[in-house]
Amino acid sequence: MARAATTSDAFNAVAEPRRRAILSYLALQERPVGEIVDLLGMEQPSVSKHLRVLLEVGLVNVRRDGRRMLYRTNAEAIRPIHEWTETFERFWRHQLSRIKERAEGKNNPSSDSGPDFISRRKNDHDSNKN
């Protein structure tokens, strides 16, 4: 099966990590291409290519300010991606809760290792009776 073009929709466009980095940077405020190049350490032609893809799928908007082109994230176009990822949010929350519980358990060794230690000692003691 042929792969969809990266410009076909927002999901394909954000599959590329450098485009996600550009979107993240533009989420803060609108920026000219030169600032994106400087921050991300990419070549200007590459940044322009990625911006063109993001522009074609509507994830960024551009406006002219004199000779400069200023790009900004189009939050409305990102909404379908956000809504789709919300489907999986409960899994992430569950995992974070488990990590938190484990971390808090390790910070309180008396509640975590106490019963295990006692039960092992009791078992050791019982086995010595035989």
N, C-alpha and C. Protein backbone atom coordinates (compact mmCIF):
# COMPACT_ATOMS: atom_id res chain seq x y z
N MET A 1 0.84 -1.17 0.00
CA MET A 1 0.00 0.00 0.00
C MET A 1 0.89 1.24 0.00
N ALA A 2 0.59 2.18 -0.83
CA ALA A 2 1.39 3.40 -0.94
C ALA A 2 1.18 4.28 0.29
N ARG A 3 2.24 4.91 0.71
CA ARG A 3 2.19 5.80 1.85
C ARG A 3 1.60 7.14 1.43
N ALA A 4 0.76 7.72 2.28
CA ALA A 4 0.15 9.01 1.98
C ALA A 4 1.21 10.09 1.97
N ALA A 5 1.04 11.06 1.14
CA ALA A 5 1.98 12.18 1.09
C ALA A 5 1.96 12.91 2.42
N THR A 6 3.12 13.46 2.80
CA THR A 6 3.20 14.16 4.08
C THR A 6 2.34 15.41 4.10
N THR A 7 1.94 15.87 2.95
CA THR A 7 1.12 17.07 2.89
C THR A 7 -0.37 16.76 2.85
N SER A 8 -0.74 15.49 2.96
CA SER A 8 -2.15 15.15 2.81
C SER A 8 -3.00 15.54 4.01
N ASP A 9 -2.44 15.47 5.21
CA ASP A 9 -3.20 15.87 6.40
C ASP A 9 -2.26 16.21 7.55
N ALA A 10 -2.85 16.75 8.59
CA ALA A 10 -2.07 17.20 9.74
C ALA A 10 -1.33 16.05 10.42
N PHE A 11 -1.96 14.88 10.49
CA PHE A 11 -1.33 13.74 11.16
C PHE A 11 -0.04 13.33 10.45
N ASN A 12 -0.07 13.26 9.14
CA ASN A 12 1.15 12.93 8.40
C ASN A 12 2.19 14.02 8.54
N ALA A 13 1.75 15.26 8.55
CA ALA A 13 2.70 16.37 8.66
C ALA A 13 3.44 16.35 9.99
N VAL A 14 2.74 16.07 11.09
CA VAL A 14 3.40 16.09 12.40
C VAL A 14 4.13 14.79 12.71
N ALA A 15 4.06 13.83 11.81
CA ALA A 15 4.82 12.60 12.02
C ALA A 15 6.32 12.86 11.93
N GLU A 16 6.71 13.95 11.31
CA GLU A 16 8.12 14.30 11.15
C GLU A 16 8.58 15.10 12.38
N PRO A 17 9.59 14.62 13.11
CA PRO A 17 10.01 15.27 14.36
C PRO A 17 10.42 16.74 14.21
N ARG A 18 11.07 17.08 13.11
CA ARG A 18 11.48 18.49 12.94
C ARG A 18 10.28 19.40 12.77
N ARG A 19 9.22 18.89 12.16
CA ARG A 19 8.00 19.71 12.03
C ARG A 19 7.35 19.91 13.39
N ARG A 20 7.38 18.86 14.21
CA ARG A 20 6.84 19.02 15.57
C ARG A 20 7.65 20.04 16.36
N ALA A 21 8.97 20.03 16.18
CA ALA A 21 9.82 21.00 16.87
C ALA A 21 9.48 22.42 16.41
N ILE A 22 9.27 22.58 15.12
CA ILE A 22 8.90 23.90 14.59
C ILE A 22 7.57 24.34 15.17
N LEU A 23 6.58 23.44 15.18
CA LEU A 23 5.27 23.78 15.75
C LEU A 23 5.39 24.17 17.22
N SER A 24 6.18 23.45 17.97
CA SER A 24 6.36 23.77 19.39
C SER A 24 6.95 25.15 19.56
N TYR A 25 7.94 25.45 18.76
CA TYR A 25 8.58 26.76 18.84
C TYR A 25 7.61 27.87 18.44
N LEU A 26 6.83 27.64 17.42
CA LEU A 26 5.87 28.65 16.97
C LEU A 26 4.67 28.77 17.91
N ALA A 27 4.45 27.81 18.78
CA ALA A 27 3.33 27.88 19.72
C ALA A 27 3.50 29.04 20.69
N LEU A 28 4.74 29.41 20.95
CA LEU A 28 5.01 30.49 21.90
C LEU A 28 4.66 31.86 21.33
N GLN A 29 5.02 32.09 20.08
CA GLN A 29 4.72 33.35 19.40
C GLN A 29 5.10 33.24 17.94
N GLU A 30 4.64 34.19 17.15
CA GLU A 30 4.97 34.13 15.72
C GLU A 30 6.45 34.50 15.54
N ARG A 31 7.06 33.86 14.56
CA ARG A 31 8.51 34.00 14.35
C ARG A 31 8.83 34.03 12.87
N PRO A 32 9.93 34.72 12.51
CA PRO A 32 10.42 34.65 11.13
C PRO A 32 11.25 33.39 10.94
N VAL A 33 11.45 33.02 9.71
CA VAL A 33 12.20 31.80 9.37
C VAL A 33 13.59 31.83 10.00
N GLY A 34 14.26 32.97 9.97
CA GLY A 34 15.62 33.07 10.51
C GLY A 34 15.73 32.67 11.97
N GLU A 35 14.74 33.04 12.77
CA GLU A 35 14.77 32.66 14.19
C GLU A 35 14.59 31.15 14.36
N ILE A 36 13.75 30.56 13.54
CA ILE A 36 13.54 29.11 13.59
C ILE A 36 14.83 28.40 13.22
N VAL A 37 15.48 28.88 12.18
CA VAL A 37 16.76 28.31 11.73
C VAL A 37 17.77 28.37 12.87
N ASP A 38 17.90 29.55 13.51
CA ASP A 38 18.87 29.73 14.58
C ASP A 38 18.58 28.84 15.78
N LEU A 39 17.33 28.77 16.18
CA LEU A 39 16.98 28.00 17.37
C LEU A 39 17.16 26.51 17.15
N LEU A 40 16.67 26.01 16.03
CA LEU A 40 16.68 24.57 15.81
C LEU A 40 17.98 24.06 15.16
N GLY A 41 18.82 24.98 14.71
CA GLY A 41 20.09 24.55 14.12
C GLY A 41 19.92 23.81 12.81
N MET A 42 18.87 24.15 12.09
CA MET A 42 18.63 23.51 10.79
C MET A 42 19.01 24.49 9.69
N GLU A 43 19.21 23.96 8.51
CA GLU A 43 19.50 24.80 7.36
C GLU A 43 18.23 25.53 6.92
N GLN A 44 18.38 26.74 6.43
CA GLN A 44 17.24 27.56 6.03
C GLN A 44 16.36 26.88 4.98
N PRO A 45 16.93 26.25 3.94
CA PRO A 45 16.07 25.58 2.97
C PRO A 45 15.22 24.47 3.59
N SER A 46 15.79 23.76 4.56
CA SER A 46 15.06 22.69 5.22
C SER A 46 13.90 23.25 6.05
N VAL A 47 14.15 24.33 6.79
CA VAL A 47 13.09 24.96 7.58
C VAL A 47 11.99 25.45 6.65
N SER A 48 12.36 26.08 5.54
CA SER A 48 11.37 26.57 4.59
C SER A 48 10.53 25.43 4.02
N LYS A 49 11.16 24.32 3.73
CA LYS A 49 10.44 23.15 3.21
C LYS A 49 9.43 22.64 4.23
N HIS A 50 9.86 22.51 5.49
CA HIS A 50 8.96 22.03 6.54
C HIS A 50 7.83 23.03 6.79
N LEU A 51 8.14 24.31 6.76
CA LEU A 51 7.10 25.32 6.94
C LEU A 51 6.08 25.25 5.80
N ARG A 52 6.55 25.00 4.61
CA ARG A 52 5.64 24.89 3.45
C ARG A 52 4.67 23.72 3.65
N VAL A 53 5.17 22.59 4.14
CA VAL A 53 4.31 21.44 4.41
C VAL A 53 3.29 21.80 5.49
N LEU A 54 3.76 22.42 6.57
CA LEU A 54 2.85 22.80 7.66
C LEU A 54 1.82 23.82 7.20
N LEU A 55 2.23 24.69 6.32
CA LEU A 55 1.32 25.69 5.76
C LEU A 55 0.27 25.05 4.87
N GLU A 56 0.69 24.08 4.05
CA GLU A 56 -0.24 23.41 3.12
C GLU A 56 -1.32 22.63 3.84
N VAL A 57 -1.01 22.07 5.01
CA VAL A 57 -2.03 21.34 5.76
C VAL A 57 -2.74 22.23 6.76
N GLY A 58 -2.35 23.49 6.82
CA GLY A 58 -3.04 24.47 7.66
C GLY A 58 -2.60 24.53 9.10
N LEU A 59 -1.50 23.87 9.46
CA LEU A 59 -1.06 23.89 10.85
C LEU A 59 -0.35 25.18 11.25
N VAL A 60 0.11 25.93 10.27
CA VAL A 60 0.68 27.25 10.54
C VAL A 60 0.04 28.27 9.60
N ASN A 61 0.08 29.50 10.07
CA ASN A 61 -0.35 30.64 9.25
C ASN A 61 0.87 31.52 9.03
N VAL A 62 0.83 32.31 7.99
CA VAL A 62 1.94 33.21 7.69
C VAL A 62 1.37 34.59 7.36
N ARG A 63 2.12 35.60 7.75
CA ARG A 63 1.76 36.98 7.37
C ARG A 63 3.04 37.72 7.01
N ARG A 64 2.90 38.66 6.12
CA ARG A 64 4.04 39.45 5.69
C ARG A 64 4.14 40.70 6.57
N ASP A 65 5.35 40.97 7.02
CA ASP A 65 5.65 42.19 7.78
C ASP A 65 6.84 42.85 7.09
N GLY A 66 6.55 43.72 6.14
CA GLY A 66 7.62 44.29 5.32
C GLY A 66 8.20 43.21 4.44
N ARG A 67 9.50 42.99 4.59
CA ARG A 67 10.17 41.94 3.80
C ARG A 67 10.15 40.58 4.50
N ARG A 68 9.77 40.59 5.76
CA ARG A 68 9.79 39.33 6.53
C ARG A 68 8.46 38.59 6.43
N MET A 69 8.58 37.27 6.49
CA MET A 69 7.41 36.40 6.58
C MET A 69 7.38 35.86 8.00
N LEU A 70 6.28 36.09 8.70
CA LEU A 70 6.15 35.64 10.08
C LEU A 70 5.17 34.47 10.15
N TYR A 71 5.61 33.41 10.80
CA TYR A 71 4.81 32.18 10.91
C TYR A 71 4.31 32.02 12.33
N ARG A 72 3.13 31.46 12.46
CA ARG A 72 2.58 31.15 13.78
C ARG A 72 1.73 29.88 13.68
N THR A 73 1.59 29.22 14.80
CA THR A 73 0.80 28.00 14.86
C THR A 73 -0.68 28.33 14.71
N ASN A 74 -1.39 27.50 13.98
CA ASN A 74 -2.83 27.63 13.82
C ASN A 74 -3.48 26.63 14.78
N ALA A 75 -3.86 27.12 15.95
CA ALA A 75 -4.37 26.24 17.01
C ALA A 75 -5.62 25.49 16.57
N GLU A 76 -6.49 26.11 15.81
CA GLU A 76 -7.71 25.43 15.36
C GLU A 76 -7.41 24.21 14.50
N ALA A 77 -6.39 24.30 13.67
CA ALA A 77 -6.04 23.18 12.80
C ALA A 77 -5.41 22.03 13.59
N ILE A 78 -4.85 22.35 14.75
CA ILE A 78 -4.23 21.33 15.59
C ILE A 78 -5.28 20.61 16.44
N ARG A 79 -6.45 21.18 16.56
CA ARG A 79 -7.51 20.60 17.40
C ARG A 79 -7.79 19.12 17.10
N PRO A 80 -7.92 18.68 15.84
CA PRO A 80 -8.18 17.26 15.59
C PRO A 80 -7.08 16.34 16.16
N ILE A 81 -5.85 16.79 16.11
CA ILE A 81 -4.75 16.00 16.67
C ILE A 81 -4.91 15.92 18.18
N HIS A 82 -5.20 17.05 18.79
CA HIS A 82 -5.40 17.09 20.24
C HIS A 82 -6.57 16.20 20.65
N GLU A 83 -7.66 16.29 19.95
CA GLU A 83 -8.83 15.47 20.29
C GLU A 83 -8.54 13.98 20.14
N TRP A 84 -7.79 13.62 19.13
CA TRP A 84 -7.44 12.22 18.94
C TRP A 84 -6.54 11.72 20.07
N THR A 85 -5.56 12.53 20.47
CA THR A 85 -4.65 12.09 21.54
C THR A 85 -5.36 12.02 22.89
N GLU A 86 -6.45 12.78 23.07
CA GLU A 86 -7.21 12.69 24.31
C GLU A 86 -7.75 11.28 24.53
N THR A 87 -7.97 10.55 23.46
CA THR A 87 -8.44 9.17 23.57
C THR A 87 -7.50 8.34 24.43
N PHE A 88 -6.23 8.65 24.38
CA PHE A 88 -5.22 7.86 25.08
C PHE A 88 -4.79 8.48 26.41
N GLU A 89 -5.36 9.62 26.75
CA GLU A 89 -4.95 10.33 27.96
C GLU A 89 -5.17 9.50 29.22
N ARG A 90 -6.24 8.74 29.27
CA ARG A 90 -6.50 7.94 30.48
C ARG A 90 -5.40 6.91 30.70
N PHE A 91 -4.80 6.39 29.63
CA PHE A 91 -3.70 5.44 29.79
C PHE A 91 -2.48 6.14 30.38
N TRP A 92 -2.22 7.35 29.89
CA TRP A 92 -1.06 8.10 30.40
C TRP A 92 -1.27 8.46 31.86
N ARG A 93 -2.49 8.90 32.20
CA ARG A 93 -2.77 9.25 33.59
C ARG A 93 -2.58 8.05 34.50
N HIS A 94 -3.04 6.89 34.04
CA HIS A 94 -2.91 5.67 34.83
C HIS A 94 -1.43 5.36 35.06
N GLN A 95 -0.63 5.46 34.02
CA GLN A 95 0.81 5.17 34.15
C GLN A 95 1.47 6.17 35.08
N LEU A 96 1.12 7.44 34.97
CA LEU A 96 1.70 8.46 35.84
C LEU A 96 1.30 8.22 37.29
N SER A 97 0.08 7.78 37.51
CA SER A 97 -0.37 7.47 38.87
C SER A 97 0.45 6.32 39.45
N ARG A 98 0.69 5.30 38.64
CA ARG A 98 1.48 4.16 39.11
C ARG A 98 2.92 4.57 39.42
N ILE A 99 3.49 5.41 38.57
CA ILE A 99 4.85 5.89 38.82
C ILE A 99 4.89 6.70 40.12
N LYS A 100 3.89 7.56 40.30
CA LYS A 100 3.83 8.37 41.52
C LYS A 100 3.71 7.49 42.76
N GLU A 101 2.84 6.49 42.70
CA GLU A 101 2.68 5.58 43.83
C GLU A 101 3.99 4.87 44.17
N ARG A 102 4.69 4.41 43.16
CA ARG A 102 5.97 3.74 43.40
C ARG A 102 7.00 4.70 43.99
N ALA A 103 7.05 5.91 43.43
CA ALA A 103 8.02 6.90 43.93
C ALA A 103 7.72 7.26 45.37
N GLU A 104 6.46 7.45 45.69
CA GLU A 104 6.10 7.78 47.06
C GLU A 104 6.37 6.61 47.99
N GLY A 105 6.20 5.40 47.49
CA GLY A 105 6.49 4.22 48.30
C GLY A 105 7.96 4.10 48.61
N LYS A 106 8.82 4.46 47.67
CA LYS A 106 10.27 4.39 47.89
C LYS A 106 10.74 5.49 48.84
N ASN A 107 10.01 6.61 48.86
CA ASN A 107 10.36 7.69 49.77
C ASN A 107 9.98 7.40 51.20
N ASN A 108 9.12 6.43 51.40
CA ASN A 108 8.67 6.06 52.73
C ASN A 108 9.01 4.59 52.98
N PRO A 109 10.29 4.29 53.24
CA PRO A 109 10.72 2.90 53.34
C PRO A 109 10.07 2.14 54.49
N SER A 110 9.66 2.81 55.54
CA SER A 110 9.08 2.08 56.67
C SER A 110 7.76 1.43 56.30
N SER A 111 6.99 2.08 55.42
CA SER A 111 5.71 1.48 55.04
C SER A 111 5.88 0.46 53.93
N ASP A 112 6.95 0.57 53.16
CA ASP A 112 7.11 -0.31 52.00
C ASP A 112 7.83 -1.60 52.37
N SER A 113 8.95 -1.46 53.06
CA SER A 113 9.76 -2.65 53.29
C SER A 113 9.49 -3.30 54.64
N GLY A 114 8.79 -2.62 55.51
CA GLY A 114 8.55 -3.16 56.85
C GLY A 114 7.89 -4.52 56.84
N PRO A 115 6.68 -4.63 56.32
CA PRO A 115 5.98 -5.93 56.34
C PRO A 115 6.74 -7.02 55.60
N ASP A 116 7.37 -6.71 54.48
CA ASP A 116 8.12 -7.72 53.75
C ASP A 116 9.27 -8.24 54.60
N PHE A 117 9.94 -7.34 55.27
CA PHE A 117 11.07 -7.72 56.09
C PHE A 117 10.61 -8.63 57.23
N ILE A 118 9.53 -8.22 57.90
CA ILE A 118 9.01 -9.01 59.01
C ILE A 118 8.56 -10.37 58.52
N SER A 119 7.84 -10.41 57.40
CA SER A 119 7.34 -11.70 56.93
C SER A 119 8.50 -12.60 56.52
N ARG A 120 9.53 -12.07 55.94
CA ARG A 120 10.68 -12.90 55.58
C ARG A 120 11.35 -13.43 56.84
N ARG A 121 11.51 -12.58 57.81
CA ARG A 121 12.15 -13.00 59.05
C ARG A 121 11.32 -14.09 59.73
N LYS A 122 10.00 -13.94 59.70
CA LYS A 122 9.14 -14.96 60.29
C LYS A 122 9.29 -16.27 59.53
N ASN A 123 9.32 -16.22 58.20
CA ASN A 123 9.48 -17.42 57.39
C ASN A 123 10.84 -18.07 57.67
N ASP A 124 11.87 -17.25 57.78
CA ASP A 124 13.19 -17.77 58.09
C ASP A 124 13.16 -18.47 59.44
N HIS A 125 12.51 -17.85 60.38
CA HIS A 125 12.43 -18.41 61.73
C HIS A 125 11.65 -19.73 61.72
N ASP A 126 10.52 -19.76 60.98
CA ASP A 126 9.71 -20.99 60.88
C ASP A 126 10.49 -22.12 60.23
N SER A 127 11.29 -21.82 59.22
CA SER A 127 12.02 -22.88 58.54
C SER A 127 13.13 -23.44 59.42
N ASN A 128 13.60 -22.66 60.36
CA ASN A 128 14.64 -23.15 61.26
C ASN A 128 14.08 -24.10 62.31
N LYS A 129 12.77 -24.08 62.53
CA LYS A 129 12.17 -24.97 63.52
C LYS A 129 12.21 -26.41 63.09
N ASN A 130 12.21 -26.68 61.82
CA ASN A 130 12.18 -28.06 61.32
C ASN A 130 13.44 -28.72 61.54
